[in-house]
């Protein structure tokens, strides 16, 4: 069933509900979008199980929320992942900014429907980029951890954008959440955002059927779970997992502390 786009105010409310959040105006340190709460609330229920005979969405299948999970999800979780564990990649390359040999590496796991991720991108990332990424001190990696099928569908489109437009489209999906986020997967509003970076409808439709891309993205999410990621945003800074939102003050303190370590200080001197 095709739905009309939601009014902005309603869309914001739906986005918060889908993300499992009560609100976004005063975001405390420690608040994250929980995968378990969000999927249990129905964010992943756009496609009925074929065995039930229930009505299905006419949207293409997205692989990112097939199972509701407990805190451990019945999956293997590495108790103390090494830096090598964190930096392991699958068939898709990491989307990163900054020098590959920067002394500090930050990995952010994000869902496109997450208001906390939107707040970090608008309030923290610009300063992080100016102060540390553009100066060669931090390598910043974005990894996809979509929560719910709406986020999963948009994530597939995001990966189909040219690499040079990835960050631009990522920001557009976050900033325009009110226009496309809903419990029902609505392809037209999701495409409308992708079209803003030049994506054609035929490209968008083909992307959603790209099983190699989808499998690669599923690996990214499954690997995040194995590393201990439980929601969004979650971060790894120099291999240490941080399961909370971060403001600019916290990011700066963490980066400076790592830059002060002997190994990082030596690398930072080269970056100057």
C-alpha atoms as a PDB file:
ATOM      1  CA  UNK A   1       0.000   0.000   0.000  1.00  0.00           C
ATOM      2  CA  UNK A   2       1.384   3.396  -0.945  1.00  0.00           C
ATOM      3  CA  UNK A   3       1.187   5.959   1.858  1.00  0.00           C
ATOM      4  CA  UNK A   4       1.243   9.717   1.550  1.00  0.00           C
ATOM      5  CA  UNK A   5       4.259  11.422   3.124  1.00  0.00           C
ATOM      6  CA  UNK A   6       3.690  12.267   6.757  1.00  0.00           C
ATOM      7  CA  UNK A   7       3.426  15.910   7.877  1.00  0.00           C
ATOM      8  CA  UNK A   8       6.780  17.056   9.328  1.00  0.00           C
ATOM      9  CA  UNK A   9       5.642  17.147  12.954  1.00  0.00           C
ATOM     10  CA  UNK A  10       4.127  13.677  12.723  1.00  0.00           C
ATOM     11  CA  UNK A  11       7.194  12.405  10.877  1.00  0.00           C
ATOM     12  CA  UNK A  12       9.513  13.569  13.638  1.00  0.00           C
ATOM     13  CA  UNK A  13       7.375  11.822  16.245  1.00  0.00           C
ATOM     14  CA  UNK A  14       7.316   8.607  14.229  1.00  0.00           C
ATOM     15  CA  UNK A  15      11.082   8.774  13.759  1.00  0.00           C
ATOM     16  CA  UNK A  16      11.579   9.040  17.494  1.00  0.00           C
ATOM     17  CA  UNK A  17       9.191   6.194  18.198  1.00  0.00           C
ATOM     18  CA  UNK A  18      10.788   3.933  15.605  1.00  0.00           C
ATOM     19  CA  UNK A  19      14.201   4.760  17.016  1.00  0.00           C
ATOM     20  CA  UNK A  20      13.009   3.711  20.467  1.00  0.00           C
ATOM     21  CA  UNK A  21      13.539   7.224  21.882  1.00  0.00           C
ATOM     22  CA  UNK A  22      11.281   9.386  23.982  1.00  0.00           C
ATOM     23  CA  UNK A  23      12.728  12.591  22.632  1.00  0.00           C
ATOM     24  CA  UNK A  24      15.727  14.370  21.255  1.00  0.00           C
ATOM     25  CA  UNK A  25      15.689  17.852  22.738  1.00  0.00           C
ATOM     26  CA  UNK A  26      17.891  17.164  25.748  1.00  0.00           C
ATOM     27  CA  UNK A  27      20.124  14.303  24.779  1.00  0.00           C
ATOM     28  CA  UNK A  28      21.951  12.917  27.824  1.00  0.00           C
ATOM     29  CA  UNK A  29      25.301  11.192  27.626  1.00  0.00           C
ATOM     30  CA  UNK A  30      24.529   7.487  27.586  1.00  0.00           C
ATOM     31  CA  UNK A  31      21.367   7.671  25.480  1.00  0.00           C
ATOM     32  CA  UNK A  32      21.413   5.484  22.387  1.00  0.00           C
ATOM     33  CA  UNK A  33      18.913   4.001  19.989  1.00  0.00           C
ATOM     34  CA  UNK A  34      18.482   0.408  21.156  1.00  0.00           C
ATOM     35  CA  UNK A  35      18.287  -2.234  18.436  1.00  0.00           C
ATOM     36  CA  UNK A  36      16.312  -4.612  20.644  1.00  0.00           C
ATOM     37  CA  UNK A  37      13.731  -2.054  21.773  1.00  0.00           C
ATOM     38  CA  UNK A  38      13.278  -0.618  18.305  1.00  0.00           C
ATOM     39  CA  UNK A  39      12.799  -3.931  16.542  1.00  0.00           C
ATOM     40  CA  UNK A  40      10.510  -5.211  19.283  1.00  0.00           C
ATOM     41  CA  UNK A  41       8.409  -2.077  18.853  1.00  0.00           C
ATOM     42  CA  UNK A  42       7.761  -2.965  15.238  1.00  0.00           C
ATOM     43  CA  UNK A  43      10.486  -1.151  13.323  1.00  0.00           C
ATOM     44  CA  UNK A  44      11.359  -4.414  11.600  1.00  0.00           C
ATOM     45  CA  UNK A  45       7.819  -5.654  11.008  1.00  0.00           C
ATOM     46  CA  UNK A  46       7.193  -4.262   7.496  1.00  0.00           C
ATOM     47  CA  UNK A  47       7.420  -7.777   6.002  1.00  0.00           C
ATOM     48  CA  UNK A  48       5.266 -10.612   7.250  1.00  0.00           C
ATOM     49  CA  UNK A  49       6.581 -14.129   7.677  1.00  0.00           C
ATOM     50  CA  UNK A  50       5.499 -16.165   4.666  1.00  0.00           C
ATOM     51  CA  UNK A  51       4.407 -18.952   6.992  1.00  0.00           C
ATOM     52  CA  UNK A  52       1.782 -16.751   8.643  1.00  0.00           C
ATOM     53  CA  UNK A  53      -0.047 -15.817   5.471  1.00  0.00           C
ATOM     54  CA  UNK A  54      -0.239 -12.224   6.689  1.00  0.00           C
ATOM     55  CA  UNK A  55      -0.272  -9.382   4.201  1.00  0.00           C
ATOM     56  CA  UNK A  56       3.137  -8.304   2.970  1.00  0.00           C
ATOM     57  CA  UNK A  57       4.533  -4.949   2.013  1.00  0.00           C
ATOM     58  CA  UNK A  58       5.100  -4.401  -1.699  1.00  0.00           C
ATOM     59  CA  UNK A  59       8.581  -3.080  -0.882  1.00  0.00           C
ATOM     60  CA  UNK A  60      11.646  -5.185  -1.678  1.00  0.00           C
ATOM     61  CA  UNK A  61      13.015  -7.325   1.095  1.00  0.00           C
ATOM     62  CA  UNK A  62      15.561  -5.710   3.395  1.00  0.00           C
ATOM     63  CA  UNK A  63      17.730  -8.060   5.433  1.00  0.00           C
ATOM     64  CA  UNK A  64      18.555  -6.008   8.469  1.00  0.00           C
ATOM     65  CA  UNK A  65      15.976  -6.987  11.084  1.00  0.00           C
ATOM     66  CA  UNK A  66      14.972 -10.565  10.579  1.00  0.00           C
ATOM     67  CA  UNK A  67      15.165 -11.522  14.240  1.00  0.00           C
ATOM     68  CA  UNK A  68      14.285  -9.958  17.554  1.00  0.00           C
ATOM     69  CA  UNK A  69      17.214 -10.276  19.881  1.00  0.00           C
ATOM     70  CA  UNK A  70      17.964 -10.426  23.570  1.00  0.00           C
ATOM     71  CA  UNK A  71      20.852  -8.419  24.986  1.00  0.00           C
ATOM     72  CA  UNK A  72      23.271 -11.028  23.639  1.00  0.00           C
ATOM     73  CA  UNK A  73      21.033 -12.127  20.788  1.00  0.00           C
ATOM     74  CA  UNK A  74      22.257 -15.699  21.093  1.00  0.00           C
ATOM     75  CA  UNK A  75      25.253 -14.604  19.035  1.00  0.00           C
ATOM     76  CA  UNK A  76      28.938 -14.839  19.706  1.00  0.00           C
ATOM     77  CA  UNK A  77      30.205 -11.571  21.192  1.00  0.00           C
ATOM     78  CA  UNK A  78      33.920 -10.970  21.541  1.00  0.00           C
ATOM     79  CA  UNK A  79      34.619 -10.109  25.177  1.00  0.00           C
ATOM     80  CA  UNK A  80      37.705  -7.992  24.500  1.00  0.00           C
ATOM     81  CA  UNK A  81      38.068  -7.402  20.764  1.00  0.00           C
ATOM     82  CA  UNK A  82      41.505  -6.332  19.636  1.00  0.00           C
ATOM     83  CA  UNK A  83      42.165  -3.390  17.333  1.00  0.00           C
ATOM     84  CA  UNK A  84      42.672  -5.959  14.566  1.00  0.00           C
ATOM     85  CA  UNK A  85      39.249  -7.433  15.361  1.00  0.00           C
ATOM     86  CA  UNK A  86      37.638  -4.001  15.129  1.00  0.00           C
ATOM     87  CA  UNK A  87      39.391  -3.105  11.882  1.00  0.00           C
ATOM     88  CA  UNK A  88      38.524  -6.348  10.069  1.00  0.00           C
ATOM     89  CA  UNK A  89      36.339  -5.711   7.019  1.00  0.00           C
ATOM     90  CA  UNK A  90      34.271  -7.923   4.761  1.00  0.00           C
ATOM     91  CA  UNK A  91      33.468  -7.589   1.071  1.00  0.00           C
ATOM     92  CA  UNK A  92      32.620  -3.875   1.306  1.00  0.00           C
ATOM     93  CA  UNK A  93      35.306  -1.274   1.992  1.00  0.00           C
ATOM     94  CA  UNK A  94      35.039   0.959   5.019  1.00  0.00           C
ATOM     95  CA  UNK A  95      33.712   4.437   4.310  1.00  0.00           C
ATOM     96  CA  UNK A  96      36.320   6.653   5.939  1.00  0.00           C
ATOM     97  CA  UNK A  97      37.644  10.202   6.048  1.00  0.00           C
ATOM     98  CA  UNK A  98      41.097  11.371   7.085  1.00  0.00           C
ATOM     99  CA  UNK A  99      44.521   9.836   6.696  1.00  0.00           C
ATOM    100  CA  UNK A 100      44.715   6.050   6.700  1.00  0.00           C
ATOM    101  CA  UNK A 101      47.725   6.323   9.015  1.00  0.00           C
ATOM    102  CA  UNK A 102      46.225   8.916  11.362  1.00  0.00           C
ATOM    103  CA  UNK A 103      47.314   8.372  14.981  1.00  0.00           C
ATOM    104  CA  UNK A 104      43.719   7.998  16.244  1.00  0.00           C
ATOM    105  CA  UNK A 105      40.899   6.050  14.617  1.00  0.00           C
ATOM    106  CA  UNK A 106      37.221   6.581  15.447  1.00  0.00           C
ATOM    107  CA  UNK A 107      34.632   4.098  14.191  1.00  0.00           C
ATOM    108  CA  UNK A 108      30.986   5.131  14.420  1.00  0.00           C
ATOM    109  CA  UNK A 109      28.132   2.627  14.045  1.00  0.00           C
ATOM    110  CA  UNK A 110      25.000   4.452  12.923  1.00  0.00           C
ATOM    111  CA  UNK A 111      21.408   3.934  11.818  1.00  0.00           C
ATOM    112  CA  UNK A 112      19.857   6.419   9.396  1.00  0.00           C
ATOM    113  CA  UNK A 113      16.629   6.549  11.430  1.00  0.00           C
ATOM    114  CA  UNK A 114      18.432   7.369  14.686  1.00  0.00           C
ATOM    115  CA  UNK A 115      17.880  10.936  16.029  1.00  0.00           C
ATOM    116  CA  UNK A 116      20.989  10.622  18.226  1.00  0.00           C
ATOM    117  CA  UNK A 117      23.071   9.921  15.111  1.00  0.00           C
ATOM    118  CA  UNK A 118      21.536  12.989  13.479  1.00  0.00           C
ATOM    119  CA  UNK A 119      22.459  15.136  16.468  1.00  0.00           C
ATOM    120  CA  UNK A 120      26.064  13.899  16.463  1.00  0.00           C
ATOM    121  CA  UNK A 121      26.387  14.550  12.732  1.00  0.00           C
ATOM    122  CA  UNK A 122      25.016  18.096  12.980  1.00  0.00           C
ATOM    123  CA  UNK A 123      26.509  19.189  16.297  1.00  0.00           C
ATOM    124  CA  UNK A 124      29.768  17.266  16.707  1.00  0.00           C
ATOM    125  CA  UNK A 125      31.041  15.983  13.373  1.00  0.00           C
ATOM    126  CA  UNK A 126      31.743  19.409  11.763  1.00  0.00           C
ATOM    127  CA  UNK A 127      34.075  20.385  14.625  1.00  0.00           C
ATOM    128  CA  UNK A 128      35.628  16.915  14.706  1.00  0.00           C
ATOM    129  CA  UNK A 129      36.348  17.205  10.993  1.00  0.00           C
ATOM    130  CA  UNK A 130      37.857  20.692  11.211  1.00  0.00           C
ATOM    131  CA  UNK A 131      39.946  20.035  14.303  1.00  0.00           C
ATOM    132  CA  UNK A 132      41.153  16.478  13.888  1.00  0.00           C
ATOM    133  CA  UNK A 133      40.189  14.807  10.596  1.00  0.00           C
ATOM    134  CA  UNK A 134      41.299  17.564   8.220  1.00  0.00           C
ATOM    135  CA  UNK A 135      44.520  18.041  10.198  1.00  0.00           C
ATOM    136  CA  UNK A 136      45.539  14.395   9.816  1.00  0.00           C
ATOM    137  CA  UNK A 137      45.114  13.431  13.477  1.00  0.00           C
ATOM    138  CA  UNK A 138      41.950  11.297  13.224  1.00  0.00           C
ATOM    139  CA  UNK A 139      40.684   8.757  10.754  1.00  0.00           C
ATOM    140  CA  UNK A 140      36.887   8.618  10.975  1.00  0.00           C
ATOM    141  CA  UNK A 141      35.019   5.512   9.799  1.00  0.00           C
ATOM    142  CA  UNK A 142      31.253   5.240   9.358  1.00  0.00           C
ATOM    143  CA  UNK A 143      29.758   1.750   9.575  1.00  0.00           C
ATOM    144  CA  UNK A 144      26.160   0.946   8.806  1.00  0.00           C
ATOM    145  CA  UNK A 145      24.069  -0.532  11.632  1.00  0.00           C
ATOM    146  CA  UNK A 146      20.496  -0.055  10.382  1.00  0.00           C
ATOM    147  CA  UNK A 147      17.721  -0.629  12.884  1.00  0.00           C
ATOM    148  CA  UNK A 148      14.473  -1.643  11.214  1.00  0.00           C
ATOM    149  CA  UNK A 149      13.592  -2.233   7.581  1.00  0.00           C
ATOM    150  CA  UNK A 150      13.063   1.412   6.706  1.00  0.00           C
ATOM    151  CA  UNK A 151      16.614   2.189   7.786  1.00  0.00           C
ATOM    152  CA  UNK A 152      17.857  -0.946   6.029  1.00  0.00           C
ATOM    153  CA  UNK A 153      16.308   0.101   2.731  1.00  0.00           C
ATOM    154  CA  UNK A 154      17.779   3.602   2.914  1.00  0.00           C
ATOM    155  CA  UNK A 155      21.152   2.130   3.868  1.00  0.00           C
ATOM    156  CA  UNK A 156      21.264   0.043   0.698  1.00  0.00           C
ATOM    157  CA  UNK A 157      20.591   3.185  -1.345  1.00  0.00           C
ATOM    158  CA  UNK A 158      23.281   5.035   0.602  1.00  0.00           C
ATOM    159  CA  UNK A 159      25.906   2.442  -0.309  1.00  0.00           C
ATOM    160  CA  UNK A 160      24.945   2.744  -3.969  1.00  0.00           C
ATOM    161  CA  UNK A 161      25.805   6.439  -4.042  1.00  0.00           C
ATOM    162  CA  UNK A 162      29.212   7.334  -5.532  1.00  0.00           C
ATOM    163  CA  UNK A 163      31.810   7.233  -2.727  1.00  0.00           C
ATOM    164  CA  UNK A 164      32.410  10.968  -3.113  1.00  0.00           C
ATOM    165  CA  UNK A 165      28.710  11.623  -2.382  1.00  0.00           C
ATOM    166  CA  UNK A 166      28.311   9.092   0.448  1.00  0.00           C
ATOM    167  CA  UNK A 167      28.816  11.560   3.305  1.00  0.00           C
ATOM    168  CA  UNK A 168      26.556  14.095   1.609  1.00  0.00           C
ATOM    169  CA  UNK A 169      23.734  11.576   1.209  1.00  0.00           C
ATOM    170  CA  UNK A 170      24.307  10.252   4.730  1.00  0.00           C
ATOM    171  CA  UNK A 171      23.750  13.753   6.080  1.00  0.00           C
ATOM    172  CA  UNK A 172      20.663  14.282   3.929  1.00  0.00           C
ATOM    173  CA  UNK A 173      19.048  11.076   5.185  1.00  0.00           C
ATOM    174  CA  UNK A 174      19.715  12.143   8.771  1.00  0.00           C
ATOM    175  CA  UNK A 175      18.632  15.749   8.377  1.00  0.00           C
ATOM    176  CA  UNK A 176      15.475  14.838   6.456  1.00  0.00           C
ATOM    177  CA  UNK A 177      14.306  11.968   8.659  1.00  0.00           C
ATOM    178  CA  UNK A 178      10.876  13.562   9.038  1.00  0.00           C
ATOM    179  CA  UNK A 179      10.258  13.219   5.286  1.00  0.00           C
ATOM    180  CA  UNK A 180      10.933   9.491   4.854  1.00  0.00           C
ATOM    181  CA  UNK A 181      10.971   7.630   8.179  1.00  0.00           C
ATOM    182  CA  UNK A 182       7.873   5.597   9.017  1.00  0.00           C
ATOM    183  CA  UNK A 183       6.939   2.122  10.182  1.00  0.00           C
ATOM    184  CA  UNK A 184       5.957   1.220   6.619  1.00  0.00           C
ATOM    185  CA  UNK A 185       8.815   1.098   4.112  1.00  0.00           C
ATOM    186  CA  UNK A 186       7.953   3.893   1.661  1.00  0.00           C
ATOM    187  CA  UNK A 187      10.212   3.729  -1.366  1.00  0.00           C
ATOM    188  CA  UNK A 188       9.252   7.029  -2.987  1.00  0.00           C
ATOM    189  CA  UNK A 189      10.319   9.245  -0.059  1.00  0.00           C
ATOM    190  CA  UNK A 190      13.507   7.205   0.400  1.00  0.00           C
ATOM    191  CA  UNK A 191      14.336   7.636  -3.283  1.00  0.00           C
ATOM    192  CA  UNK A 192      13.499  11.362  -3.142  1.00  0.00           C
ATOM    193  CA  UNK A 193      16.402  11.866  -0.757  1.00  0.00           C
ATOM    194  CA  UNK A 194      18.791   9.781  -2.862  1.00  0.00           C
ATOM    195  CA  UNK A 195      17.781  11.761  -5.951  1.00  0.00           C
ATOM    196  CA  UNK A 196      19.213  14.878  -4.338  1.00  0.00           C
ATOM    197  CA  UNK A 197      22.735  13.555  -4.982  1.00  0.00           C
ATOM    198  CA  UNK A 198      21.944  12.611  -8.578  1.00  0.00           C
ATOM    199  CA  UNK A 199      20.726   9.022  -8.203  1.00  0.00           C
ATOM    200  CA  UNK A 200      18.264   7.926 -10.902  1.00  0.00           C
ATOM    201  CA  UNK A 201      15.211   5.801 -10.135  1.00  0.00           C
ATOM    202  CA  UNK A 202      16.474   2.908 -12.252  1.00  0.00           C
ATOM    203  CA  UNK A 203      19.737   2.947 -10.286  1.00  0.00           C
ATOM    204  CA  UNK A 204      17.842   3.056  -7.003  1.00  0.00           C
ATOM    205  CA  UNK A 205      15.568   0.150  -7.948  1.00  0.00           C
ATOM    206  CA  UNK A 206      18.489  -1.957  -9.194  1.00  0.00           C
ATOM    207  CA  UNK A 207      20.405  -1.214  -6.009  1.00  0.00           C
ATOM    208  CA  UNK A 208      17.614  -2.621  -3.849  1.00  0.00           C
ATOM    209  CA  UNK A 209      17.934  -5.926  -5.735  1.00  0.00           C
ATOM    210  CA  UNK A 210      21.733  -6.084  -5.461  1.00  0.00           C
ATOM    211  CA  UNK A 211      22.166  -9.182  -3.312  1.00  0.00           C
ATOM    212  CA  UNK A 212      25.937  -8.815  -3.215  1.00  0.00           C
ATOM    213  CA  UNK A 213      25.571  -5.333  -1.738  1.00  0.00           C
ATOM    214  CA  UNK A 214      22.904  -6.489   0.697  1.00  0.00           C
ATOM    215  CA  UNK A 215      25.005  -9.449   1.859  1.00  0.00           C
ATOM    216  CA  UNK A 216      27.973  -7.154   2.375  1.00  0.00           C
ATOM    217  CA  UNK A 217      25.919  -4.744   4.444  1.00  0.00           C
ATOM    218  CA  UNK A 218      24.487  -7.611   6.485  1.00  0.00           C
ATOM    219  CA  UNK A 219      28.062  -8.686   7.244  1.00  0.00           C
ATOM    220  CA  UNK A 220      28.881  -5.177   8.499  1.00  0.00           C
ATOM    221  CA  UNK A 221      25.951  -5.273  10.911  1.00  0.00           C
ATOM    222  CA  UNK A 222      26.569  -8.843  12.060  1.00  0.00           C
ATOM    223  CA  UNK A 223      30.233  -8.024  12.643  1.00  0.00           C
ATOM    224  CA  UNK A 224      29.200  -5.007  14.710  1.00  0.00           C
ATOM    225  CA  UNK A 225      27.039  -7.248  16.871  1.00  0.00           C
ATOM    226  CA  UNK A 226      29.951  -9.627  17.337  1.00  0.00           C
ATOM    227  CA  UNK A 227      32.103  -6.702  18.463  1.00  0.00           C
ATOM    228  CA  UNK A 228      29.491  -5.785  21.082  1.00  0.00           C
ATOM    229  CA  UNK A 229      27.544  -3.025  19.349  1.00  0.00           C
ATOM    230  CA  UNK A 230      24.011  -2.924  20.788  1.00  0.00           C
ATOM    231  CA  UNK A 231      22.521   0.253  19.345  1.00  0.00           C
ATOM    232  CA  UNK A 232      23.306   3.552  17.728  1.00  0.00           C
ATOM    233  CA  UNK A 233      25.394   5.487  17.934  1.00  0.00           C
ATOM    234  CA  UNK A 234      28.113   3.228  19.308  1.00  0.00           C
ATOM    235  CA  UNK A 235      31.776   4.133  18.841  1.00  0.00           C
ATOM    236  CA  UNK A 236      35.173   2.521  18.865  1.00  0.00           C
ATOM    237  CA  UNK A 237      37.998   4.932  19.673  1.00  0.00           C
ATOM    238  CA  UNK A 238      41.379   3.282  19.281  1.00  0.00           C
ATOM    239  CA  UNK A 239      39.626  -0.059  19.657  1.00  0.00           C
ATOM    240  CA  UNK A 240      37.716   0.813  22.841  1.00  0.00           C
ATOM    241  CA  UNK A 241      33.926   0.411  22.589  1.00  0.00           C
ATOM    242  CA  UNK A 242      31.795   3.312  23.837  1.00  0.00           C
ATOM    243  CA  UNK A 243      28.099   2.472  24.061  1.00  0.00           C
ATOM    244  CA  UNK A 244      26.749   5.994  24.384  1.00  0.00           C
ATOM    245  CA  UNK A 245      26.245   9.236  22.586  1.00  0.00           C
ATOM    246  CA  UNK A 246      29.179  11.636  22.650  1.00  0.00           C
ATOM    247  CA  UNK A 247      29.213  15.409  22.664  1.00  0.00           C
ATOM    248  CA  UNK A 248      32.078  17.534  21.380  1.00  0.00           C
ATOM    249  CA  UNK A 249      33.585  17.866  24.874  1.00  0.00           C
ATOM    250  CA  UNK A 250      33.735  14.078  25.337  1.00  0.00           C
ATOM    251  CA  UNK A 251      35.119  13.501  21.833  1.00  0.00           C
ATOM    252  CA  UNK A 252      37.834  16.107  22.287  1.00  0.00           C
ATOM    253  CA  UNK A 253      38.884  14.695  25.662  1.00  0.00           C
ATOM    254  CA  UNK A 254      39.037  11.143  24.295  1.00  0.00           C
ATOM    255  CA  UNK A 255      40.996  12.151  21.199  1.00  0.00           C
ATOM    256  CA  UNK A 256      43.461  14.298  23.147  1.00  0.00           C
ATOM    257  CA  UNK A 257      44.036  11.506  25.668  1.00  0.00           C
ATOM    258  CA  UNK A 258      44.847   9.099  22.853  1.00  0.00           C
ATOM    259  CA  UNK A 259      47.033  11.625  21.049  1.00  0.00           C
ATOM    260  CA  UNK A 260      49.044  11.984  24.238  1.00  0.00           C
ATOM    261  CA  UNK A 261      50.003   8.302  24.237  1.00  0.00           C
ATOM    262  CA  UNK A 262      53.615   7.702  23.077  1.00  0.00           C
ATOM    263  CA  UNK A 263      52.698   5.832  19.897  1.00  0.00           C
ATOM    264  CA  UNK A 264      49.991   8.288  18.870  1.00  0.00           C
ATOM    265  CA  UNK A 265      52.146  11.289  19.755  1.00  0.00           C
ATOM    266  CA  UNK A 266      54.858  10.049  17.427  1.00  0.00           C
ATOM    267  CA  UNK A 267      52.349   9.560  14.602  1.00  0.00           C
ATOM    268  CA  UNK A 268      50.753  12.945  15.303  1.00  0.00           C
ATOM    269  CA  UNK A 269      54.127  14.644  14.919  1.00  0.00           C
ATOM    270  CA  UNK A 270      54.328  13.247  11.393  1.00  0.00           C
ATOM    271  CA  UNK A 271      50.817  14.552  10.651  1.00  0.00           C
ATOM    272  CA  UNK A 272      51.752  18.151  11.552  1.00  0.00           C
END
